């Protein structure tokens, strides 16, 4: 929470665009591209929510091709991408094609995914608790205008929001 607030206060959108080296054309609202890593049970609510906006295009990447296809076939602007996320070269290629990476993979994979996002100058979001390694990568990302947000979801996300309400 504090990280996001600080980042928002320090940088305007135009500064973030400049730091990321992204042209204004790429940031048009009709060109939002999301790479969703993982097609398990948690993925469908994410896809359902994001596809409420017609201008969001989602790629569902998962090693289980049947699961990725089944999820993508239910929602507009959603395509499956069978992929072994341990293949770092292929994963980086996919990351480069998108504006945001949402990882619903096991938390042990997040540090190397975060490093790929940082190298690719892409924002990243996970539902996992932030490990020390992820905090360090996120700090490096913040210096480059890259947001890496963890702990978004039911647990730990909602319990953190409820805790904040108690403090306010």
N, C-alpha and C. Protein backbone atom coordinates (compact mmCIF):
# COMPACT_ATOMS: atom_id res chain seq x y z
N UNK A 1 0.82 -1.19 0.00
CA UNK A 1 0.00 0.00 0.00
C UNK A 1 0.87 1.26 0.00
N UNK A 2 1.81 1.32 0.90
CA UNK A 2 2.69 2.47 1.01
C UNK A 2 3.53 2.62 -0.27
N UNK A 3 3.99 1.50 -0.82
CA UNK A 3 4.79 1.51 -2.04
C UNK A 3 4.01 2.13 -3.20
N UNK A 4 2.76 1.73 -3.38
CA UNK A 4 1.94 2.23 -4.48
C UNK A 4 1.67 3.72 -4.30
N UNK A 5 1.34 4.12 -3.10
CA UNK A 5 1.06 5.53 -2.82
C UNK A 5 2.29 6.38 -3.11
N UNK A 6 3.44 5.94 -2.64
CA UNK A 6 4.68 6.67 -2.87
C UNK A 6 4.99 6.77 -4.35
N UNK A 7 4.86 5.68 -5.06
CA UNK A 7 5.15 5.67 -6.49
C UNK A 7 4.22 6.62 -7.23
N UNK A 8 2.96 6.61 -6.87
CA UNK A 8 1.97 7.49 -7.51
C UNK A 8 2.29 8.96 -7.25
N UNK A 9 2.69 9.28 -6.05
CA UNK A 9 2.99 10.66 -5.70
C UNK A 9 4.24 11.15 -6.40
N UNK A 10 5.22 10.30 -6.57
CA UNK A 10 6.51 10.70 -7.12
C UNK A 10 6.50 10.87 -8.63
N UNK A 11 5.64 10.12 -9.31
CA UNK A 11 5.73 10.11 -10.76
C UNK A 11 4.38 10.32 -11.41
N UNK A 12 4.37 11.12 -12.42
CA UNK A 12 3.15 11.25 -13.21
C UNK A 12 3.18 10.16 -14.28
N UNK A 13 2.06 9.94 -14.94
CA UNK A 13 1.99 8.93 -15.98
C UNK A 13 2.98 9.22 -17.09
N UNK A 14 3.13 10.48 -17.46
CA UNK A 14 4.05 10.81 -18.55
C UNK A 14 5.49 10.49 -18.17
N UNK A 15 5.85 10.71 -16.90
CA UNK A 15 7.20 10.36 -16.46
C UNK A 15 7.42 8.86 -16.53
N UNK A 16 6.40 8.09 -16.13
CA UNK A 16 6.53 6.64 -16.18
C UNK A 16 6.69 6.17 -17.62
N UNK A 17 5.93 6.76 -18.54
CA UNK A 17 6.03 6.40 -19.95
C UNK A 17 7.44 6.67 -20.45
N UNK A 18 7.95 7.85 -20.10
CA UNK A 18 9.28 8.23 -20.55
C UNK A 18 10.34 7.27 -20.02
N UNK A 19 10.26 6.94 -18.74
CA UNK A 19 11.24 6.02 -18.15
C UNK A 19 11.17 4.64 -18.75
N UNK A 20 9.96 4.19 -19.08
CA UNK A 20 9.80 2.86 -19.66
C UNK A 20 10.17 2.85 -21.13
N UNK A 21 10.31 4.03 -21.74
CA UNK A 21 10.62 4.09 -23.15
C UNK A 21 9.44 3.66 -24.02
N UNK A 22 8.23 3.93 -23.56
CA UNK A 22 7.03 3.53 -24.28
C UNK A 22 6.43 4.75 -24.93
N UNK A 23 6.10 4.65 -26.20
CA UNK A 23 5.51 5.78 -26.91
C UNK A 23 4.07 5.99 -26.47
N UNK A 24 3.57 7.20 -26.68
CA UNK A 24 2.19 7.52 -26.33
C UNK A 24 1.23 6.61 -27.06
N UNK A 25 1.54 6.27 -28.30
CA UNK A 25 0.66 5.40 -29.10
C UNK A 25 0.44 4.06 -28.39
N UNK A 26 1.50 3.49 -27.82
CA UNK A 26 1.40 2.20 -27.16
C UNK A 26 0.53 2.26 -25.91
N UNK A 27 0.31 3.44 -25.35
CA UNK A 27 -0.46 3.58 -24.12
C UNK A 27 -1.92 3.93 -24.38
N UNK A 28 -2.33 3.93 -25.66
CA UNK A 28 -3.73 4.21 -25.96
C UNK A 28 -4.61 3.21 -25.23
N UNK A 29 -5.78 3.66 -24.80
CA UNK A 29 -6.65 2.81 -24.00
C UNK A 29 -7.16 1.60 -24.77
N UNK A 30 -7.12 1.65 -26.11
CA UNK A 30 -7.61 0.51 -26.87
C UNK A 30 -6.53 -0.54 -27.10
N UNK A 31 -5.44 -0.43 -26.39
CA UNK A 31 -4.31 -1.32 -26.65
C UNK A 31 -3.73 -1.90 -25.36
N UNK A 32 -4.58 -2.30 -24.41
CA UNK A 32 -4.10 -2.87 -23.14
C UNK A 32 -3.92 -4.37 -23.32
N UNK A 33 -2.71 -4.84 -23.08
CA UNK A 33 -2.39 -6.26 -23.27
C UNK A 33 -1.92 -6.86 -21.95
N UNK A 34 -2.61 -7.91 -21.52
CA UNK A 34 -2.32 -8.55 -20.23
C UNK A 34 -1.90 -9.99 -20.47
N UNK A 35 -0.77 -10.37 -19.90
CA UNK A 35 -0.32 -11.76 -19.92
C UNK A 35 -0.66 -12.37 -18.57
N UNK A 36 -1.56 -13.34 -18.58
CA UNK A 36 -1.96 -14.04 -17.37
C UNK A 36 -1.23 -15.37 -17.32
N UNK A 37 -0.37 -15.54 -16.34
CA UNK A 37 0.40 -16.77 -16.19
C UNK A 37 -0.34 -17.70 -15.24
N UNK A 38 -0.86 -18.76 -15.78
CA UNK A 38 -1.61 -19.73 -14.99
C UNK A 38 -3.08 -19.72 -15.37
N UNK A 39 -3.63 -20.90 -15.56
CA UNK A 39 -5.04 -21.03 -15.95
C UNK A 39 -5.82 -21.86 -14.94
N UNK A 40 -5.35 -21.88 -13.72
CA UNK A 40 -6.01 -22.67 -12.67
C UNK A 40 -7.30 -22.01 -12.19
N UNK A 41 -7.78 -22.47 -11.06
CA UNK A 41 -9.08 -22.04 -10.55
C UNK A 41 -9.15 -20.54 -10.25
N UNK A 42 -8.07 -19.94 -9.86
CA UNK A 42 -8.06 -18.52 -9.52
C UNK A 42 -8.09 -17.65 -10.78
N UNK A 43 -7.69 -18.21 -11.91
CA UNK A 43 -7.56 -17.43 -13.14
C UNK A 43 -8.90 -16.95 -13.71
N UNK A 44 -9.93 -17.78 -13.63
CA UNK A 44 -11.19 -17.40 -14.27
C UNK A 44 -11.80 -16.12 -13.72
N UNK A 45 -11.85 -15.91 -12.42
CA UNK A 45 -12.38 -14.62 -11.94
C UNK A 45 -11.56 -13.42 -12.43
N UNK A 46 -10.27 -13.59 -12.59
CA UNK A 46 -9.41 -12.52 -13.10
C UNK A 46 -9.80 -12.21 -14.54
N UNK A 47 -9.91 -13.24 -15.36
CA UNK A 47 -10.26 -13.05 -16.77
C UNK A 47 -11.66 -12.45 -16.88
N UNK A 48 -12.59 -12.96 -16.11
CA UNK A 48 -13.96 -12.45 -16.16
C UNK A 48 -13.98 -10.95 -15.84
N UNK A 49 -13.25 -10.56 -14.81
CA UNK A 49 -13.22 -9.15 -14.42
C UNK A 49 -12.56 -8.28 -15.49
N UNK A 50 -11.40 -8.70 -15.97
CA UNK A 50 -10.66 -7.88 -16.93
C UNK A 50 -11.38 -7.76 -18.27
N UNK A 51 -12.09 -8.80 -18.68
CA UNK A 51 -12.78 -8.74 -19.97
C UNK A 51 -14.07 -7.94 -19.92
N UNK A 52 -14.39 -7.38 -18.80
CA UNK A 52 -15.53 -6.45 -18.74
C UNK A 52 -15.22 -5.20 -19.56
N UNK A 53 -13.93 -4.91 -19.70
CA UNK A 53 -13.49 -3.79 -20.53
C UNK A 53 -13.16 -4.33 -21.92
N UNK A 54 -13.82 -3.79 -22.92
CA UNK A 54 -13.62 -4.26 -24.30
C UNK A 54 -12.21 -3.98 -24.82
N UNK A 55 -11.50 -3.04 -24.19
CA UNK A 55 -10.18 -2.67 -24.69
C UNK A 55 -9.04 -3.46 -24.04
N UNK A 56 -9.35 -4.48 -23.26
CA UNK A 56 -8.32 -5.31 -22.64
C UNK A 56 -8.20 -6.62 -23.42
N UNK A 57 -6.99 -6.92 -23.82
CA UNK A 57 -6.70 -8.17 -24.53
C UNK A 57 -5.88 -9.06 -23.58
N UNK A 58 -6.32 -10.29 -23.40
CA UNK A 58 -5.68 -11.19 -22.44
C UNK A 58 -5.10 -12.40 -23.14
N UNK A 59 -3.89 -12.76 -22.76
CA UNK A 59 -3.28 -14.01 -23.18
C UNK A 59 -3.17 -14.88 -21.95
N UNK A 60 -3.78 -16.06 -21.99
CA UNK A 60 -3.72 -17.01 -20.88
C UNK A 60 -2.63 -18.02 -21.20
N UNK A 61 -1.55 -17.97 -20.45
CA UNK A 61 -0.41 -18.87 -20.68
C UNK A 61 -0.39 -19.94 -19.59
N UNK A 62 -0.35 -21.18 -20.03
CA UNK A 62 -0.33 -22.29 -19.08
C UNK A 62 0.27 -23.51 -19.78
N UNK A 63 0.94 -24.36 -19.01
CA UNK A 63 1.50 -25.59 -19.56
C UNK A 63 0.40 -26.58 -19.95
N UNK A 64 -0.75 -26.45 -19.31
CA UNK A 64 -1.88 -27.33 -19.62
C UNK A 64 -2.70 -26.69 -20.74
N UNK A 65 -2.46 -27.14 -21.96
CA UNK A 65 -3.09 -26.55 -23.13
C UNK A 65 -4.62 -26.64 -23.08
N UNK A 66 -5.13 -27.77 -22.60
CA UNK A 66 -6.58 -27.95 -22.51
C UNK A 66 -7.19 -26.92 -21.56
N UNK A 67 -6.55 -26.71 -20.44
CA UNK A 67 -7.05 -25.76 -19.45
C UNK A 67 -6.99 -24.32 -19.98
N UNK A 68 -5.89 -23.96 -20.65
CA UNK A 68 -5.75 -22.62 -21.22
C UNK A 68 -6.80 -22.38 -22.30
N UNK A 69 -7.01 -23.38 -23.17
CA UNK A 69 -8.01 -23.26 -24.22
C UNK A 69 -9.42 -23.13 -23.64
N UNK A 70 -9.73 -23.94 -22.64
CA UNK A 70 -11.06 -23.91 -22.04
C UNK A 70 -11.36 -22.54 -21.43
N UNK A 71 -10.40 -21.98 -20.73
CA UNK A 71 -10.60 -20.67 -20.12
C UNK A 71 -10.73 -19.59 -21.18
N UNK A 72 -9.83 -19.57 -22.14
CA UNK A 72 -9.84 -18.53 -23.17
C UNK A 72 -11.11 -18.57 -24.02
N UNK A 73 -11.65 -19.75 -24.23
CA UNK A 73 -12.84 -19.88 -25.09
C UNK A 73 -14.10 -19.28 -24.47
N UNK A 74 -14.08 -19.04 -23.17
CA UNK A 74 -15.26 -18.50 -22.48
C UNK A 74 -15.38 -16.98 -22.55
N UNK A 75 -14.30 -16.29 -22.91
CA UNK A 75 -14.29 -14.83 -22.78
C UNK A 75 -13.78 -14.17 -24.05
N UNK A 76 -14.36 -13.00 -24.34
CA UNK A 76 -13.93 -12.23 -25.51
C UNK A 76 -12.52 -11.70 -25.29
N UNK A 77 -11.86 -11.40 -26.36
CA UNK A 77 -10.52 -10.79 -26.33
C UNK A 77 -9.52 -11.60 -25.51
N UNK A 78 -9.72 -12.90 -25.45
CA UNK A 78 -8.85 -13.77 -24.66
C UNK A 78 -8.36 -14.90 -25.54
N UNK A 79 -7.05 -15.10 -25.55
CA UNK A 79 -6.45 -16.16 -26.36
C UNK A 79 -5.59 -17.05 -25.47
N UNK A 80 -5.55 -18.34 -25.78
CA UNK A 80 -4.69 -19.25 -25.01
C UNK A 80 -3.26 -19.24 -25.58
N UNK A 81 -2.31 -19.51 -24.72
CA UNK A 81 -0.92 -19.65 -25.14
C UNK A 81 -0.32 -20.82 -24.36
N UNK A 82 -0.37 -22.02 -24.97
CA UNK A 82 0.28 -23.15 -24.29
C UNK A 82 1.76 -22.84 -24.10
N UNK A 83 2.24 -22.93 -22.88
CA UNK A 83 3.62 -22.55 -22.63
C UNK A 83 4.12 -23.12 -21.31
N UNK A 84 5.32 -23.61 -21.36
CA UNK A 84 6.02 -24.02 -20.15
C UNK A 84 6.71 -22.78 -19.60
N UNK A 85 6.24 -22.26 -18.50
CA UNK A 85 6.79 -21.02 -17.95
C UNK A 85 8.19 -21.18 -17.39
N UNK A 86 8.70 -22.40 -17.33
CA UNK A 86 10.09 -22.61 -16.95
C UNK A 86 11.03 -22.29 -18.11
N UNK A 87 10.49 -22.20 -19.33
CA UNK A 87 11.27 -21.83 -20.51
C UNK A 87 11.42 -20.31 -20.51
N UNK A 88 12.49 -19.83 -19.92
CA UNK A 88 12.66 -18.39 -19.69
C UNK A 88 12.76 -17.59 -20.99
N UNK A 89 13.34 -18.16 -22.01
CA UNK A 89 13.44 -17.45 -23.29
C UNK A 89 12.05 -17.20 -23.87
N UNK A 90 11.24 -18.24 -23.91
CA UNK A 90 9.87 -18.12 -24.45
C UNK A 90 9.03 -17.21 -23.55
N UNK A 91 9.20 -17.33 -22.25
CA UNK A 91 8.45 -16.49 -21.31
C UNK A 91 8.80 -15.02 -21.53
N UNK A 92 10.07 -14.71 -21.69
CA UNK A 92 10.47 -13.32 -21.91
C UNK A 92 9.88 -12.80 -23.23
N UNK A 93 9.84 -13.63 -24.25
CA UNK A 93 9.24 -13.22 -25.53
C UNK A 93 7.77 -12.85 -25.32
N UNK A 94 7.06 -13.64 -24.54
CA UNK A 94 5.64 -13.34 -24.27
C UNK A 94 5.49 -12.08 -23.43
N UNK A 95 6.33 -11.94 -22.44
CA UNK A 95 6.28 -10.75 -21.58
C UNK A 95 6.45 -9.49 -22.42
N UNK A 96 7.36 -9.52 -23.37
CA UNK A 96 7.62 -8.35 -24.22
C UNK A 96 6.41 -7.94 -25.06
N UNK A 97 5.50 -8.85 -25.31
CA UNK A 97 4.33 -8.56 -26.13
C UNK A 97 3.18 -7.93 -25.33
N UNK A 98 3.36 -7.79 -24.04
CA UNK A 98 2.26 -7.36 -23.16
C UNK A 98 2.66 -6.15 -22.33
N UNK A 99 1.65 -5.48 -21.79
CA UNK A 99 1.86 -4.30 -20.94
C UNK A 99 1.93 -4.66 -19.46
N UNK A 100 1.22 -5.72 -19.10
CA UNK A 100 1.12 -6.14 -17.70
C UNK A 100 1.20 -7.65 -17.62
N UNK A 101 1.92 -8.14 -16.63
CA UNK A 101 1.99 -9.57 -16.36
C UNK A 101 1.32 -9.83 -15.02
N UNK A 102 0.35 -10.73 -15.03
CA UNK A 102 -0.29 -11.18 -13.79
C UNK A 102 0.11 -12.63 -13.61
N UNK A 103 0.83 -12.91 -12.54
CA UNK A 103 1.28 -14.27 -12.30
C UNK A 103 0.45 -14.92 -11.21
N UNK A 104 -0.20 -16.00 -11.59
CA UNK A 104 -0.94 -16.83 -10.63
C UNK A 104 -0.23 -18.18 -10.47
N UNK A 105 1.03 -18.19 -10.80
CA UNK A 105 1.85 -19.40 -10.66
C UNK A 105 2.32 -19.53 -9.22
N UNK A 106 2.93 -20.65 -8.87
CA UNK A 106 3.45 -20.81 -7.50
C UNK A 106 4.44 -19.69 -7.14
N UNK A 107 4.39 -19.29 -5.89
CA UNK A 107 5.22 -18.17 -5.42
C UNK A 107 6.71 -18.38 -5.64
N UNK A 108 7.14 -19.62 -5.71
CA UNK A 108 8.57 -19.89 -5.92
C UNK A 108 9.04 -19.45 -7.30
N UNK A 109 8.11 -19.27 -8.22
CA UNK A 109 8.48 -18.85 -9.58
C UNK A 109 8.52 -17.32 -9.72
N UNK A 110 7.94 -16.61 -8.79
CA UNK A 110 7.80 -15.16 -8.95
C UNK A 110 9.11 -14.39 -9.01
N UNK A 111 10.15 -14.74 -8.26
CA UNK A 111 11.38 -13.95 -8.39
C UNK A 111 11.96 -13.97 -9.81
N UNK A 112 12.01 -15.11 -10.46
CA UNK A 112 12.59 -15.10 -11.80
C UNK A 112 11.64 -14.46 -12.81
N UNK A 113 10.34 -14.57 -12.59
CA UNK A 113 9.38 -13.88 -13.47
C UNK A 113 9.52 -12.37 -13.27
N UNK A 114 9.66 -11.94 -12.03
CA UNK A 114 9.83 -10.51 -11.74
C UNK A 114 11.10 -9.97 -12.40
N UNK A 115 12.17 -10.73 -12.36
CA UNK A 115 13.42 -10.31 -13.02
C UNK A 115 13.20 -10.15 -14.53
N UNK A 116 12.47 -11.09 -15.13
CA UNK A 116 12.17 -10.98 -16.57
C UNK A 116 11.32 -9.75 -16.86
N UNK A 117 10.35 -9.48 -15.99
CA UNK A 117 9.51 -8.28 -16.16
C UNK A 117 10.36 -7.02 -16.02
N UNK A 118 11.24 -7.00 -15.06
CA UNK A 118 12.11 -5.84 -14.87
C UNK A 118 13.00 -5.64 -16.09
N UNK A 119 13.61 -6.71 -16.58
CA UNK A 119 14.45 -6.63 -17.78
C UNK A 119 13.66 -6.16 -18.99
N UNK A 120 12.39 -6.53 -19.04
CA UNK A 120 11.52 -6.19 -20.17
C UNK A 120 10.78 -4.87 -19.96
N UNK A 121 10.96 -4.27 -18.79
CA UNK A 121 10.30 -3.01 -18.43
C UNK A 121 8.79 -3.15 -18.48
N UNK A 122 8.30 -4.21 -17.84
CA UNK A 122 6.86 -4.47 -17.79
C UNK A 122 6.40 -4.54 -16.33
N UNK A 123 5.20 -4.05 -16.08
CA UNK A 123 4.61 -4.11 -14.75
C UNK A 123 4.19 -5.54 -14.45
N UNK A 124 4.16 -5.87 -13.15
CA UNK A 124 3.82 -7.23 -12.73
C UNK A 124 2.93 -7.18 -11.50
N UNK A 125 2.00 -8.12 -11.44
CA UNK A 125 1.08 -8.23 -10.32
C UNK A 125 0.99 -9.70 -9.92
N UNK A 126 1.00 -9.98 -8.62
CA UNK A 126 0.82 -11.36 -8.14
C UNK A 126 -0.16 -11.35 -6.97
N UNK A 127 -0.67 -12.52 -6.66
CA UNK A 127 -1.54 -12.67 -5.49
C UNK A 127 -0.75 -13.19 -4.29
N UNK A 128 0.52 -13.42 -4.47
CA UNK A 128 1.34 -14.03 -3.42
C UNK A 128 1.89 -12.99 -2.44
N UNK A 129 2.23 -13.47 -1.27
CA UNK A 129 2.92 -12.63 -0.31
C UNK A 129 4.26 -12.22 -0.89
N UNK A 130 4.70 -11.02 -0.56
CA UNK A 130 5.97 -10.52 -1.06
C UNK A 130 7.11 -11.10 -0.24
N UNK A 131 7.99 -11.81 -0.92
CA UNK A 131 9.18 -12.34 -0.26
C UNK A 131 10.25 -11.23 -0.23
N UNK A 132 11.31 -11.46 0.50
CA UNK A 132 12.41 -10.49 0.52
C UNK A 132 12.97 -10.29 -0.88
N UNK A 133 13.09 -11.38 -1.63
CA UNK A 133 13.61 -11.29 -3.00
C UNK A 133 12.71 -10.42 -3.87
N UNK A 134 11.39 -10.60 -3.76
CA UNK A 134 10.47 -9.80 -4.56
C UNK A 134 10.50 -8.33 -4.14
N UNK A 135 10.66 -8.07 -2.86
CA UNK A 135 10.75 -6.67 -2.40
C UNK A 135 11.97 -5.98 -2.99
N UNK A 136 13.08 -6.68 -3.05
CA UNK A 136 14.30 -6.10 -3.62
C UNK A 136 14.13 -5.83 -5.11
N UNK A 137 13.52 -6.76 -5.82
CA UNK A 137 13.29 -6.57 -7.25
C UNK A 137 12.31 -5.42 -7.47
N UNK A 138 11.26 -5.35 -6.65
CA UNK A 138 10.28 -4.26 -6.76
C UNK A 138 10.92 -2.90 -6.51
N UNK A 139 11.86 -2.84 -5.57
CA UNK A 139 12.55 -1.58 -5.30
C UNK A 139 13.36 -1.14 -6.51
N UNK A 140 14.02 -2.08 -7.16
CA UNK A 140 14.76 -1.76 -8.40
C UNK A 140 13.79 -1.33 -9.49
N UNK A 141 12.65 -1.99 -9.55
CA UNK A 141 11.64 -1.63 -10.55
C UNK A 141 11.10 -0.23 -10.32
N UNK A 142 10.87 0.13 -9.07
CA UNK A 142 10.34 1.46 -8.76
C UNK A 142 11.28 2.55 -9.25
N UNK A 143 12.57 2.31 -9.19
CA UNK A 143 13.55 3.28 -9.67
C UNK A 143 13.44 3.48 -11.18
N UNK A 144 12.90 2.49 -11.87
CA UNK A 144 12.73 2.56 -13.32
C UNK A 144 11.30 2.87 -13.74
N UNK A 145 10.43 3.12 -12.76
CA UNK A 145 9.03 3.40 -13.08
C UNK A 145 8.22 2.15 -13.38
N UNK A 146 8.71 1.01 -12.94
CA UNK A 146 8.03 -0.27 -13.14
C UNK A 146 7.34 -0.65 -11.84
N UNK A 147 6.05 -0.93 -11.91
CA UNK A 147 5.32 -1.33 -10.70
C UNK A 147 5.29 -2.85 -10.59
N UNK A 148 5.61 -3.34 -9.43
CA UNK A 148 5.53 -4.76 -9.11
C UNK A 148 4.73 -4.87 -7.83
N UNK A 149 3.48 -5.27 -7.99
CA UNK A 149 2.55 -5.28 -6.87
C UNK A 149 2.26 -6.72 -6.49
N UNK A 150 2.44 -7.02 -5.23
CA UNK A 150 2.17 -8.35 -4.70
C UNK A 150 1.02 -8.27 -3.70
N UNK A 151 0.59 -9.43 -3.27
CA UNK A 151 -0.42 -9.53 -2.21
C UNK A 151 -1.77 -8.95 -2.64
N UNK A 152 -2.15 -9.21 -3.89
CA UNK A 152 -3.43 -8.77 -4.42
C UNK A 152 -4.31 -9.99 -4.60
N UNK A 153 -5.46 -10.00 -4.00
CA UNK A 153 -6.36 -11.15 -4.11
C UNK A 153 -7.14 -11.32 -2.82
N UNK A 154 -7.75 -12.47 -2.67
CA UNK A 154 -8.52 -12.73 -1.45
C UNK A 154 -7.61 -12.83 -0.25
N UNK A 155 -6.60 -13.62 -0.35
CA UNK A 155 -5.63 -13.77 0.72
C UNK A 155 -4.26 -13.73 0.05
N UNK A 156 -3.52 -12.71 0.27
CA UNK A 156 -3.54 -11.74 1.36
C UNK A 156 -4.24 -10.43 1.05
N UNK A 157 -4.70 -10.16 -0.15
CA UNK A 157 -5.22 -8.86 -0.54
C UNK A 157 -6.34 -8.32 0.31
N UNK A 158 -7.44 -9.05 0.41
CA UNK A 158 -8.60 -8.54 1.14
C UNK A 158 -8.31 -8.41 2.64
N UNK A 159 -7.57 -9.36 3.20
CA UNK A 159 -7.28 -9.23 4.62
C UNK A 159 -6.41 -8.00 4.90
N UNK A 160 -5.55 -7.61 3.95
CA UNK A 160 -4.77 -6.39 4.13
C UNK A 160 -5.66 -5.16 4.05
N UNK A 161 -6.61 -5.15 3.12
CA UNK A 161 -7.54 -4.02 3.00
C UNK A 161 -8.39 -3.89 4.26
N UNK A 162 -8.84 -5.00 4.79
CA UNK A 162 -9.63 -4.97 6.02
C UNK A 162 -8.81 -4.44 7.18
N UNK A 163 -7.55 -4.84 7.24
CA UNK A 163 -6.67 -4.35 8.29
C UNK A 163 -6.48 -2.84 8.18
N UNK A 164 -6.34 -2.35 6.95
CA UNK A 164 -6.19 -0.91 6.73
C UNK A 164 -7.43 -0.16 7.22
N UNK A 165 -8.61 -0.74 6.99
CA UNK A 165 -9.83 -0.12 7.47
C UNK A 165 -9.84 0.01 8.99
N UNK A 166 -9.27 -0.95 9.67
CA UNK A 166 -9.19 -0.88 11.13
C UNK A 166 -8.31 0.27 11.59
N UNK A 167 -7.23 0.54 10.82
CA UNK A 167 -6.31 1.61 11.19
C UNK A 167 -6.88 2.99 10.88
N UNK A 168 -7.76 3.07 9.88
CA UNK A 168 -8.27 4.37 9.46
C UNK A 168 -9.37 4.86 10.29
